[in-house]
PDB file of all heavy atoms in Angstrom:
ATOM      1  N   LEU A   1       0.830  -1.204   0.000  1.00  0.00           N
ATOM      2  CA  LEU A   1       0.000   0.000   0.000  1.00  0.00           C
ATOM      3  C   LEU A   1       0.865   1.255   0.000  1.00  0.00           C
ATOM      4  O   LEU A   1       0.599   2.210  -0.734  1.00  0.00           O
ATOM      5  CB  LEU A   1      -0.914  -0.002   1.221  1.00  0.00           C
ATOM      6  CG  LEU A   1      -1.903   1.158   1.350  1.00  0.00           C
ATOM      7  CD1 LEU A   1      -2.878   1.151   0.195  1.00  0.00           C
ATOM      8  CD2 LEU A   1      -2.640   1.076   2.670  1.00  0.00           C
ATOM      9  N   ILE A   2       1.909   1.265   0.822  1.00  0.00           N
ATOM     10  CA  ILE A   2       2.819   2.403   0.855  1.00  0.00           C
ATOM     11  C   ILE A   2       3.443   2.620  -0.516  1.00  0.00           C
ATOM     12  O   ILE A   2       3.522   3.749  -1.019  1.00  0.00           O
ATOM     13  CB  ILE A   2       3.921   2.194   1.916  1.00  0.00           C
ATOM     14  CG1 ILE A   2       3.326   2.313   3.323  1.00  0.00           C
ATOM     15  CG2 ILE A   2       5.058   3.193   1.737  1.00  0.00           C
ATOM     16  CD1 ILE A   2       4.292   1.949   4.435  1.00  0.00           C
ATOM     17  N   GLU A   3       3.885   1.550  -1.144  1.00  0.00           N
ATOM     18  CA  GLU A   3       4.538   1.651  -2.445  1.00  0.00           C
ATOM     19  C   GLU A   3       3.599   2.240  -3.492  1.00  0.00           C
ATOM     20  O   GLU A   3       4.013   3.016  -4.359  1.00  0.00           O
ATOM     21  CB  GLU A   3       5.028   0.270  -2.890  1.00  0.00           C
ATOM     22  CG  GLU A   3       5.921   0.293  -4.113  1.00  0.00           C
ATOM     23  CD  GLU A   3       7.225   1.051  -3.888  1.00  0.00           C
ATOM     24  OE1 GLU A   3       7.730   1.058  -2.745  1.00  0.00           O
ATOM     25  OE2 GLU A   3       7.727   1.641  -4.864  1.00  0.00           O
ATOM     26  N   ASN A   4       2.311   1.922  -3.396  1.00  0.00           N
ATOM     27  CA  ASN A   4       1.338   2.387  -4.381  1.00  0.00           C
ATOM     28  C   ASN A   4       0.867   3.815  -4.137  1.00  0.00           C
ATOM     29  O   ASN A   4       0.407   4.491  -5.058  1.00  0.00           O
ATOM     30  CB  ASN A   4       0.112   1.453  -4.402  1.00  0.00           C
ATOM     31  CG  ASN A   4       0.442   0.100  -4.996  1.00  0.00           C
ATOM     32  OD1 ASN A   4       1.388  -0.036  -5.775  1.00  0.00           O
ATOM     33  ND2 ASN A   4      -0.320  -0.915  -4.617  1.00  0.00           N
ATOM     34  N   ARG A   5       0.954   4.290  -2.901  1.00  0.00           N
ATOM     35  CA  ARG A   5       0.351   5.575  -2.568  1.00  0.00           C
ATOM     36  C   ARG A   5       1.352   6.640  -2.107  1.00  0.00           C
ATOM     37  O   ARG A   5       0.972   7.775  -1.845  1.00  0.00           O
ATOM     38  CB  ARG A   5      -0.718   5.390  -1.484  1.00  0.00           C
ATOM     39  CG  ARG A   5      -1.807   4.430  -1.891  1.00  0.00           C
ATOM     40  CD  ARG A   5      -2.923   4.409  -0.877  1.00  0.00           C
ATOM     41  NE  ARG A   5      -3.712   5.618  -0.903  1.00  0.00           N
ATOM     42  CZ  ARG A   5      -4.667   5.884  -1.790  1.00  0.00           C
ATOM     43  NH1 ARG A   5      -4.911   5.044  -2.768  1.00  0.00           N
ATOM     44  NH2 ARG A   5      -5.359   6.995  -1.732  1.00  0.00           N
ATOM     45  N   LYS A   6       2.617   6.294  -2.026  1.00  0.00           N
ATOM     46  CA  LYS A   6       3.611   7.244  -1.533  1.00  0.00           C
ATOM     47  C   LYS A   6       3.846   8.368  -2.536  1.00  0.00           C
ATOM     48  O   LYS A   6       3.620   8.218  -3.737  1.00  0.00           O
ATOM     49  CB  LYS A   6       4.926   6.521  -1.258  1.00  0.00           C
ATOM     50  CG  LYS A   6       5.627   6.036  -2.533  1.00  0.00           C
ATOM     51  CD  LYS A   6       6.920   5.327  -2.216  1.00  0.00           C
ATOM     52  CE  LYS A   6       7.608   4.880  -3.507  1.00  0.00           C
ATOM     53  NZ  LYS A   6       8.877   4.169  -3.262  1.00  0.00           N
ATOM     54  N   THR A   7       4.274   9.505  -2.017  1.00  0.00           N
ATOM     55  CA  THR A   7       4.783  10.586  -2.846  1.00  0.00           C
ATOM     56  C   THR A   7       6.303  10.564  -2.711  1.00  0.00           C
ATOM     57  O   THR A   7       6.866   9.720  -2.029  1.00  0.00           O
ATOM     58  CB  THR A   7       4.253  11.945  -2.363  1.00  0.00           C
ATOM     59  OG1 THR A   7       4.753  12.172  -1.023  1.00  0.00           O
ATOM     60  CG2 THR A   7       2.739  11.973  -2.343  1.00  0.00           C
ATOM     61  N   ARG A   8       6.971  11.509  -3.357  1.00  0.00           N
ATOM     62  CA  ARG A   8       8.427  11.550  -3.206  1.00  0.00           C
ATOM     63  C   ARG A   8       8.825  11.868  -1.761  1.00  0.00           C
ATOM     64  O   ARG A   8       9.938  11.565  -1.334  1.00  0.00           O
ATOM     65  CB  ARG A   8       9.044  12.575  -4.167  1.00  0.00           C
ATOM     66  CG  ARG A   8       8.808  14.027  -3.786  1.00  0.00           C
ATOM     67  CD  ARG A   8       9.651  14.982  -4.631  1.00  0.00           C
ATOM     68  NE  ARG A   8       9.553  16.342  -4.143  1.00  0.00           N
ATOM     69  CZ  ARG A   8       8.664  17.221  -4.546  1.00  0.00           C
ATOM     70  NH1 ARG A   8       7.779  16.867  -5.474  1.00  0.00           N
ATOM     71  NH2 ARG A   8       8.639  18.439  -4.047  1.00  0.00           N
ATOM     72  N   GLU A   9       7.878  12.489  -1.011  1.00  0.00           N
ATOM     73  CA  GLU A   9       8.146  12.804   0.392  1.00  0.00           C
ATOM     74  C   GLU A   9       7.896  11.615   1.311  1.00  0.00           C
ATOM     75  O   GLU A   9       8.291  11.623   2.467  1.00  0.00           O
ATOM     76  CB  GLU A   9       7.282  13.985   0.845  1.00  0.00           C
ATOM     77  CG  GLU A   9       7.571  15.295   0.118  1.00  0.00           C
ATOM     78  CD  GLU A   9       6.769  15.429  -1.173  1.00  0.00           C
ATOM     79  OE1 GLU A   9       5.931  14.538  -1.460  1.00  0.00           O
ATOM     80  OE2 GLU A   9       6.977  16.413  -1.891  1.00  0.00           O
ATOM     81  N   GLY A  10       7.190  10.604   0.813  1.00  0.00           N
ATOM     82  CA  GLY A  10       6.937   9.414   1.620  1.00  0.00           C
ATOM     83  C   GLY A  10       5.455   9.155   1.817  1.00  0.00           C
ATOM     84  O   GLY A  10       4.623   9.495   0.978  1.00  0.00           O
ATOM     85  N   ALA A  11       5.133   8.567   2.962  1.00  0.00           N
ATOM     86  CA  ALA A  11       3.743   8.228   3.271  1.00  0.00           C
ATOM     87  C   ALA A  11       3.555   8.257   4.781  1.00  0.00           C
ATOM     88  O   ALA A  11       4.520   8.218   5.540  1.00  0.00           O
ATOM     89  CB  ALA A  11       3.390   6.848   2.720  1.00  0.00           C
ATOM     90  N   ILE A  12       2.298   8.358   5.207  1.00  0.00           N
ATOM     91  CA  ILE A  12       1.962   8.322   6.618  1.00  0.00           C
ATOM     92  C   ILE A  12       0.993   7.166   6.847  1.00  0.00           C
ATOM     93  O   ILE A  12      -0.008   7.038   6.129  1.00  0.00           O
ATOM     94  CB  ILE A  12       1.330   9.650   7.081  1.00  0.00           C
ATOM     95  CG1 ILE A  12       2.346  10.787   6.918  1.00  0.00           C
ATOM     96  CG2 ILE A  12       0.889   9.565   8.540  1.00  0.00           C
ATOM     97  CD1 ILE A  12       1.781  12.156   7.234  1.00  0.00           C
ATOM     98  N   VAL A  13       1.306   6.347   7.827  1.00  0.00           N
ATOM     99  CA  VAL A  13       0.453   5.209   8.177  1.00  0.00           C
ATOM    100  C   VAL A  13      -0.155   5.495   9.547  1.00  0.00           C
ATOM    101  O   VAL A  13       0.565   5.806  10.501  1.00  0.00           O
ATOM    102  CB  VAL A  13       1.257   3.900   8.214  1.00  0.00           C
ATOM    103  CG1 VAL A  13       0.351   2.730   8.586  1.00  0.00           C
ATOM    104  CG2 VAL A  13       1.932   3.643   6.878  1.00  0.00           C
ATOM    105  N   ILE A  14      -1.486   5.424   9.631  1.00  0.00           N
ATOM    106  CA  ILE A  14      -2.187   5.748  10.871  1.00  0.00           C
ATOM    107  C   ILE A  14      -3.102   4.591  11.247  1.00  0.00           C
ATOM    108  O   ILE A  14      -3.853   4.080  10.410  1.00  0.00           O
ATOM    109  CB  ILE A  14      -3.033   7.030  10.720  1.00  0.00           C
ATOM    110  CG1 ILE A  14      -2.172   8.188  10.191  1.00  0.00           C
ATOM    111  CG2 ILE A  14      -3.675   7.424  12.045  1.00  0.00           C
ATOM    112  CD1 ILE A  14      -2.974   9.445   9.867  1.00  0.00           C
ATOM    113  N   ASP A  15      -3.065   4.198  12.493  1.00  0.00           N
ATOM    114  CA  ASP A  15      -4.002   3.211  13.017  1.00  0.00           C
ATOM    115  C   ASP A  15      -5.406   3.816  12.944  1.00  0.00           C
ATOM    116  O   ASP A  15      -5.622   4.952  13.369  1.00  0.00           O
ATOM    117  CB  ASP A  15      -3.626   2.891  14.466  1.00  0.00           C
ATOM    118  CG  ASP A  15      -4.407   1.714  15.032  1.00  0.00           C
ATOM    119  OD1 ASP A  15      -5.629   1.639  14.809  1.00  0.00           O
ATOM    120  OD2 ASP A  15      -3.795   0.895  15.735  1.00  0.00           O
ATOM    121  N   SER A  16      -6.363   3.084  12.402  1.00  0.00           N
ATOM    122  CA  SER A  16      -7.711   3.624  12.214  1.00  0.00           C
ATOM    123  C   SER A  16      -8.409   3.930  13.535  1.00  0.00           C
ATOM    124  O   SER A  16      -9.398   4.663  13.557  1.00  0.00           O
ATOM    125  CB  SER A  16      -8.570   2.651  11.395  1.00  0.00           C
ATOM    126  OG  SER A  16      -8.719   1.416  12.077  1.00  0.00           O
ATOM    127  N   THR A  17      -7.883   3.391  14.641  1.00  0.00           N
ATOM    128  CA  THR A  17      -8.476   3.684  15.952  1.00  0.00           C
ATOM    129  C   THR A  17      -7.854   4.928  16.592  1.00  0.00           C
ATOM    130  O   THR A  17      -8.279   5.338  17.680  1.00  0.00           O
ATOM    131  CB  THR A  17      -8.292   2.503  16.917  1.00  0.00           C
ATOM    132  OG1 THR A  17      -6.891   2.320  17.190  1.00  0.00           O
ATOM    133  CG2 THR A  17      -8.852   1.215  16.323  1.00  0.00           C
ATOM    134  N   ALA A  18      -6.864   5.528  15.942  1.00  0.00           N
ATOM    135  CA  ALA A  18      -6.145   6.660  16.534  1.00  0.00           C
ATOM    136  C   ALA A  18      -7.030   7.898  16.623  1.00  0.00           C
ATOM    137  O   ALA A  18      -7.732   8.254  15.674  1.00  0.00           O
ATOM    138  CB  ALA A  18      -4.904   6.979  15.713  1.00  0.00           C
ATOM    139  N   THR A  19      -6.971   8.545  17.777  1.00  0.00           N
ATOM    140  CA  THR A  19      -7.617   9.843  17.943  1.00  0.00           C
ATOM    141  C   THR A  19      -6.605  10.930  17.603  1.00  0.00           C
ATOM    142  O   THR A  19      -5.487  10.644  17.178  1.00  0.00           O
ATOM    143  CB  THR A  19      -8.108  10.032  19.388  1.00  0.00           C
ATOM    144  OG1 THR A  19      -6.960  10.141  20.255  1.00  0.00           O
ATOM    145  CG2 THR A  19      -8.963   8.851  19.827  1.00  0.00           C
ATOM    146  N   TYR A  20      -6.989  12.193  17.818  1.00  0.00           N
ATOM    147  CA  TYR A  20      -6.072  13.311  17.589  1.00  0.00           C
ATOM    148  C   TYR A  20      -5.505  13.803  18.914  1.00  0.00           C
ATOM    149  O   TYR A  20      -5.017  14.921  19.018  1.00  0.00           O
ATOM    150  CB  TYR A  20      -6.803  14.448  16.870  1.00  0.00           C
ATOM    151  CG  TYR A  20      -5.897  15.374  16.108  1.00  0.00           C
ATOM    152  CD1 TYR A  20      -5.171  14.912  15.013  1.00  0.00           C
ATOM    153  CD2 TYR A  20      -5.771  16.713  16.455  1.00  0.00           C
ATOM    154  CE1 TYR A  20      -4.350  15.757  14.300  1.00  0.00           C
ATOM    155  CE2 TYR A  20      -4.948  17.575  15.742  1.00  0.00           C
ATOM    156  CZ  TYR A  20      -4.239  17.078  14.669  1.00  0.00           C
ATOM    157  OH  TYR A  20      -3.407  17.922  13.962  1.00  0.00           O
ATOM    158  N   LEU A  21      -5.543  12.926  19.913  1.00  0.00           N
ATOM    159  CA  LEU A  21      -5.046  13.273  21.244  1.00  0.00           C
ATOM    160  C   LEU A  21      -3.591  12.823  21.405  1.00  0.00           C
ATOM    161  O   LEU A  21      -3.133  11.891  20.729  1.00  0.00           O
ATOM    162  CB  LEU A  21      -5.919  12.610  22.319  1.00  0.00           C
ATOM    163  CG  LEU A  21      -7.405  12.988  22.287  1.00  0.00           C
ATOM    164  CD1 LEU A  21      -8.179  12.183  23.313  1.00  0.00           C
ATOM    165  CD2 LEU A  21      -7.581  14.489  22.539  1.00  0.00           C
ATOM    166  N   LYS A  22      -2.891  13.472  22.305  1.00  0.00           N
ATOM    167  CA  LYS A  22      -1.465  13.244  22.483  1.00  0.00           C
ATOM    168  C   LYS A  22      -1.151  11.800  22.824  1.00  0.00           C
ATOM    169  O   LYS A  22      -0.124  11.255  22.398  1.00  0.00           O
ATOM    170  CB  LYS A  22      -0.928  14.179  23.580  1.00  0.00           C
ATOM    171  CG  LYS A  22       0.577  14.172  23.722  1.00  0.00           C
ATOM    172  CD  LYS A  22       1.025  15.211  24.734  1.00  0.00           C
ATOM    173  CE  LYS A  22       2.541  15.253  24.854  1.00  0.00           C
ATOM    174  NZ  LYS A  22       2.993  16.271  25.833  1.00  0.00           N
ATOM    175  N   GLU A  23      -2.032  11.152  23.572  1.00  0.00           N
ATOM    176  CA  GLU A  23      -1.729   9.783  24.004  1.00  0.00           C
ATOM    177  C   GLU A  23      -1.734   8.774  22.854  1.00  0.00           C
ATOM    178  O   GLU A  23      -1.286   7.636  23.021  1.00  0.00           O
ATOM    179  CB  GLU A  23      -2.718   9.315  25.088  1.00  0.00           C
ATOM    180  CG  GLU A  23      -4.179   9.424  24.690  1.00  0.00           C
ATOM    181  CD  GLU A  23      -4.836  10.652  25.298  1.00  0.00           C
ATOM    182  OE1 GLU A  23      -4.148  11.685  25.437  1.00  0.00           O
ATOM    183  OE2 GLU A  23      -6.025  10.557  25.642  1.00  0.00           O
ATOM    184  N   ASP A  24      -2.231   9.185  21.693  1.00  0.00           N
ATOM    185  CA  ASP A  24      -2.262   8.277  20.549  1.00  0.00           C
ATOM    186  C   ASP A  24      -1.154   8.552  19.537  1.00  0.00           C
ATOM    187  O   ASP A  24      -1.192   8.040  18.415  1.00  0.00           O
ATOM    188  CB  ASP A  24      -3.623   8.368  19.836  1.00  0.00           C
ATOM    189  CG  ASP A  24      -4.665   7.463  20.483  1.00  0.00           C
ATOM    190  OD1 ASP A  24      -4.300   6.698  21.390  1.00  0.00           O
ATOM    191  OD2 ASP A  24      -5.843   7.533  20.086  1.00  0.00           O
ATOM    192  N   VAL A  25      -0.161   9.342  19.927  1.00  0.00           N
ATOM    193  CA  VAL A  25       0.892   9.721  18.983  1.00  0.00           C
ATOM    194  C   VAL A  25       1.640   8.503  18.449  1.00  0.00           C
ATOM    195  O   VAL A  25       2.122   8.503  17.300  1.00  0.00           O
ATOM    196  CB  VAL A  25       1.881  10.721  19.642  1.00  0.00           C
ATOM    197  CG1 VAL A  25       2.657  10.057  20.766  1.00  0.00           C
ATOM    198  CG2 VAL A  25       2.822  11.321  18.613  1.00  0.00           C
ATOM    199  N   GLU A  26       1.714   7.433  19.234  1.00  0.00           N
ATOM    200  CA  GLU A  26       2.424   6.239  18.793  1.00  0.00           C
ATOM    201  C   GLU A  26       1.654   5.449  17.739  1.00  0.00           C
ATOM    202  O   GLU A  26       2.177   4.464  17.199  1.00  0.00           O
ATOM    203  CB  GLU A  26       2.735   5.340  19.996  1.00  0.00           C
ATOM    204  CG  GLU A  26       3.741   5.961  20.968  1.00  0.00           C
ATOM    205  CD  GLU A  26       4.103   5.034  22.108  1.00  0.00           C
ATOM    206  OE1 GLU A  26       3.504   3.947  22.191  1.00  0.00           O
ATOM    207  OE2 GLU A  26       4.980   5.403  22.913  1.00  0.00           O
ATOM    208  N   LYS A  27       0.437   5.869  17.445  1.00  0.00           N
ATOM    209  CA  LYS A  27      -0.343   5.203  16.400  1.00  0.00           C
ATOM    210  C   LYS A  27      -0.163   5.871  15.035  1.00  0.00           C
ATOM    211  O   LYS A  27      -0.813   5.491  14.067  1.00  0.00           O
ATOM    212  CB  LYS A  27      -1.830   5.190  16.779  1.00  0.00           C
ATOM    213  CG  LYS A  27      -2.132   4.339  18.011  1.00  0.00           C
ATOM    214  CD  LYS A  27      -3.634   4.320  18.317  1.00  0.00           C
ATOM    215  CE  LYS A  27      -3.930   3.441  19.525  1.00  0.00           C
ATOM    216  NZ  LYS A  27      -5.391   3.401  19.828  1.00  0.00           N
ATOM    217  N   TYR A  28       0.706   6.865  14.989  1.00  0.00           N
ATOM    218  CA  TYR A  28       1.021   7.564  13.740  1.00  0.00           C
ATOM    219  C   TYR A  28       2.438   7.192  13.323  1.00  0.00           C
ATOM    220  O   TYR A  28       3.381   7.306  14.114  1.00  0.00           O
ATOM    221  CB  TYR A  28       0.924   9.083  13.915  1.00  0.00           C
ATOM    222  CG  TYR A  28      -0.480   9.597  14.119  1.00  0.00           C
ATOM    223  CD1 TYR A  28      -1.135   9.419  15.337  1.00  0.00           C
ATOM    224  CD2 TYR A  28      -1.150  10.263  13.100  1.00  0.00           C
ATOM    225  CE1 TYR A  28      -2.427   9.893  15.527  1.00  0.00           C
ATOM    226  CE2 TYR A  28      -2.439  10.748  13.283  1.00  0.00           C
ATOM    227  CZ  TYR A  28      -3.071  10.556  14.504  1.00  0.00           C
ATOM    228  OH  TYR A  28      -4.349  11.030  14.687  1.00  0.00           O
ATOM    229  N   TYR A  29       2.604   6.757  12.079  1.00  0.00           N
ATOM    230  CA  TYR A  29       3.910   6.330  11.590  1.00  0.00           C
ATOM    231  C   TYR A  29       4.227   7.075  10.296  1.00  0.00           C
ATOM    232  O   TYR A  29       3.392   7.169   9.398  1.00  0.00           O
ATOM    233  CB  TYR A  29       3.921   4.823  11.318  1.00  0.00           C
ATOM    234  CG  TYR A  29       3.401   3.990  12.466  1.00  0.00           C
ATOM    235  CD1 TYR A  29       2.043   3.677  12.551  1.00  0.00           C
ATOM    236  CD2 TYR A  29       4.245   3.540  13.467  1.00  0.00           C
ATOM    237  CE1 TYR A  29       1.549   2.927  13.610  1.00  0.00           C
ATOM    238  CE2 TYR A  29       3.760   2.780  14.523  1.00  0.00           C
ATOM    239  CZ  TYR A  29       2.413   2.481  14.582  1.00  0.00           C
ATOM    240  OH  TYR A  29       1.921   1.740  15.627  1.00  0.00           O
ATOM    241  N   GLU A  30       5.441   7.580  10.228  1.00  0.00           N
ATOM    242  CA  GLU A  30       5.882   8.281   9.017  1.00  0.00           C
ATOM    243  C   GLU A  30       6.887   7.419   8.285  1.00  0.00           C
ATOM    244  O   GLU A  30       7.836   6.902   8.885  1.00  0.00           O
ATOM    245  CB  GLU A  30       6.508   9.627   9.392  1.00  0.00           C
ATOM    246  CG  GLU A  30       6.899  10.467   8.194  1.00  0.00           C
ATOM    247  CD  GLU A  30       7.425  11.827   8.589  1.00  0.00           C
ATOM    248  OE1 GLU A  30       6.670  12.597   9.209  1.00  0.00           O
ATOM    249  OE2 GLU A  30       8.588  12.114   8.289  1.00  0.00           O
ATOM    250  N   TRP A  31       6.672   7.250   7.006  1.00  0.00           N
ATOM    251  CA  TRP A  31       7.577   6.442   6.182  1.00  0.00           C
ATOM    252  C   TRP A  31       8.159   7.316   5.090  1.00  0.00           C
ATOM    253  O   TRP A  31       7.449   8.089   4.445  1.00  0.00           O
ATOM    254  CB  TRP A  31       6.800   5.281   5.548  1.00  0.00           C
ATOM    255  CG  TRP A  31       7.654   4.391   4.681  1.00  0.00           C
ATOM    256  CD1 TRP A  31       8.267   3.228   5.039  1.00  0.00           C
ATOM    257  CD2 TRP A  31       7.988   4.601   3.303  1.00  0.00           C
ATOM    258  NE1 TRP A  31       8.954   2.701   3.986  1.00  0.00           N
ATOM    259  CE2 TRP A  31       8.807   3.523   2.902  1.00  0.00           C
ATOM    260  CE3 TRP A  31       7.687   5.592   2.374  1.00  0.00           C
ATOM    261  CZ2 TRP A  31       9.325   3.406   1.617  1.00  0.00           C
ATOM    262  CZ3 TRP A  31       8.201   5.498   1.092  1.00  0.00           C
ATOM    263  CH2 TRP A  31       9.011   4.400   0.718  1.00  0.00           C
ATOM    264  N   LYS A  32       9.455   7.220   4.887  1.00  0.00           N
ATOM    265  CA  LYS A  32      10.074   7.917   3.762  1.00  0.00           C
ATOM    266  C   LYS A  32      11.317   7.165   3.320  1.00  0.00           C
ATOM    267  O   LYS A  32      11.940   6.430   4.106  1.00  0.00           O
ATOM    268  CB  LYS A  32      10.435   9.362   4.124  1.00  0.00           C
ATOM    269  CG  LYS A  32      11.386   9.534   5.282  1.00  0.00           C
ATOM    270  CD  LYS A  32      11.597  11.024   5.562  1.00  0.00           C
ATOM    271  CE  LYS A  32      12.518  11.236   6.752  1.00  0.00           C
ATOM    272  NZ  LYS A  32      12.716  12.683   7.027  1.00  0.00           N
ATOM    273  N   SER A  33      11.664   7.354   2.066  1.00  0.00           N
ATOM    274  CA  SER A  33      12.830   6.675   1.505  1.00  0.00           C
ATOM    275  C   SER A  33      14.111   7.318   2.013  1.00  0.00           C
ATOM    276  O   SER A  33      14.197   8.542   2.130  1.00  0.00           O
ATOM    277  CB  SER A  33      12.802   6.750  -0.025  1.00  0.00           C
ATOM    278  OG  SER A  33      11.659   6.116  -0.547  1.00  0.00           O
ATOM    279  N   ASN A  34      15.092   6.502   2.307  1.00  0.00           N
ATOM    280  CA  ASN A  34      16.421   6.978   2.667  1.00  0.00           C
ATOM    281  C   ASN A  34      17.422   6.398   1.683  1.00  0.00           C
ATOM    282  O   ASN A  34      17.374   5.212   1.360  1.00  0.00           O
ATOM    283  CB  ASN A  34      16.794   6.546   4.092  1.00  0.00           C
ATOM    284  CG  ASN A  34      16.033   7.321   5.143  1.00  0.00           C
ATOM    285  OD1 ASN A  34      15.921   8.533   5.047  1.00  0.00           O
ATOM    286  ND2 ASN A  34      15.507   6.632   6.139  1.00  0.00           N
ATOM    287  N   TYR A  35      18.289   7.247   1.190  1.00  0.00           N
ATOM    288  CA  TYR A  35      19.284   6.813   0.219  1.00  0.00           C
ATOM    289  C   TYR A  35      20.674   6.930   0.834  1.00  0.00           C
ATOM    290  O   TYR A  35      21.011   7.942   1.449  1.00  0.00           O
ATOM    291  CB  TYR A  35      19.187   7.660  -1.053  1.00  0.00           C
ATOM    292  CG  TYR A  35      17.844   7.568  -1.710  1.00  0.00           C
ATOM    293  CD1 TYR A  35      16.855   8.508  -1.442  1.00  0.00           C
ATOM    294  CD2 TYR A  35      17.541   6.520  -2.582  1.00  0.00           C
ATOM    295  CE1 TYR A  35      15.599   8.421  -2.029  1.00  0.00           C
ATOM    296  CE2 TYR A  35      16.286   6.423  -3.169  1.00  0.00           C
ATOM    297  CZ  TYR A  35      15.327   7.368  -2.892  1.00  0.00           C
ATOM    298  OH  TYR A  35      14.085   7.280  -3.478  1.00  0.00           O
ATOM    299  N   CYS A  36      21.471   5.901   0.666  1.00  0.00           N
ATOM    300  CA  CYS A  36      22.803   5.872   1.244  1.00  0.00           C
ATOM    301  C   CYS A  36      23.843   5.661   0.147  1.00  0.00           C
ATOM    302  O   CYS A  36      23.617   4.902  -0.810  1.00  0.00           O
ATOM    303  CB  CYS A  36      22.929   4.742   2.271  1.00  0.00           C
ATOM    304  SG  CYS A  36      21.786   4.898   3.662  1.00  0.00           S
ATOM    305  N   ILE A  37      24.978   6.324   0.285  1.00  0.00           N
ATOM    306  CA  ILE A  37      26.099   6.071  -0.610  1.00  0.00           C
ATOM    307  C   ILE A  37      27.350   5.876   0.244  1.00  0.00           C
ATOM    308  O   ILE A  37      27.453   6.422   1.341  1.00  0.00           O
ATOM    309  CB  ILE A  37      26.323   7.227  -1.611  1.00  0.00           C
ATOM    310  CG1 ILE A  37      26.601   8.539  -0.863  1.00  0.00           C
ATOM    311  CG2 ILE A  37      25.159   7.371  -2.562  1.00  0.00           C
ATOM    312  CD1 ILE A  37      27.019   9.669  -1.785  1.00  0.00           C
ATOM    313  N   ASN A  38      28.263   5.082  -0.254  1.00  0.00           N
ATOM    314  CA  ASN A  38      29.528   4.878   0.429  1.00  0.00           C
ATOM    315  C   ASN A  38      30.497   5.995   0.040  1.00  0.00           C
ATOM    316  O   ASN A  38      30.650   6.310  -1.144  1.00  0.00           O
ATOM    317  CB  ASN A  38      30.129   3.519   0.059  1.00  0.00           C
ATOM    318  CG  ASN A  38      29.302   2.370   0.600  1.00  0.00           C
ATOM    319  OD1 ASN A  38      28.770   2.457   1.700  1.00  0.00           O
ATOM    320  ND2 ASN A  38      29.185   1.300  -0.175  1.00  0.00           N
ATOM    321  N   VAL A  39      31.129   6.594   1.020  1.00  0.00           N
ATOM    322  CA  VAL A  39      32.067   7.678   0.750  1.00  0.00           C
ATOM    323  C   VAL A  39      33.346   7.468   1.544  1.00  0.00           C
ATOM    324  O   VAL A  39      33.380   6.712   2.507  1.00  0.00           O
ATOM    325  CB  VAL A  39      31.473   9.061   1.121  1.00  0.00           C
ATOM    326  CG1 VAL A  39      30.228   9.350   0.303  1.00  0.00           C
ATOM    327  CG2 VAL A  39      31.165   9.150   2.617  1.00  0.00           C
ATOM    328  N   ILE A  40      34.388   8.153   1.117  1.00  0.00           N
ATOM    329  CA  ILE A  40      35.645   8.182   1.854  1.00  0.00           C
ATOM    330  C   ILE A  40      35.760   9.549   2.501  1.00  0.00           C
ATOM    331  O   ILE A  40      35.705  10.578   1.822  1.00  0.00           O
ATOM    332  CB  ILE A  40      36.838   7.940   0.911  1.00  0.00           C
ATOM    333  CG1 ILE A  40      36.716   6.569   0.250  1.00  0.00           C
ATOM    334  CG2 ILE A  40      38.159   8.060   1.673  1.00  0.00           C
ATOM    335  CD1 ILE A  40      37.732   6.327  -0.834  1.00  0.00           C
ATOM    336  N   VAL A  41      35.858   9.578   3.823  1.00  0.00           N
ATOM    337  CA  VAL A  41      35.961  10.837   4.544  1.00  0.00           C
ATOM    338  C   VAL A  41      37.407  11.324   4.478  1.00  0.00           C
ATOM    339  O   VAL A  41      38.322  10.640   4.929  1.00  0.00           O
ATOM    340  CB  VAL A  41      35.509  10.673   6.009  1.00  0.00           C
ATOM    341  CG1 VAL A  41      35.697  11.985   6.773  1.00  0.00           C
ATOM    342  CG2 VAL A  41      34.050  10.224   6.065  1.00  0.00           C
TER     343      VAL A  41
END
């Protein structure tokens, strides 16, 4: 689902039971692509 609906900025996954209250913050998940390259410092 994430792969089909993501933008270049990523996607947000929310538990359908989540409220907008502070105690439910752990039911919100942010997904985004991270790109890594090997470098010599």
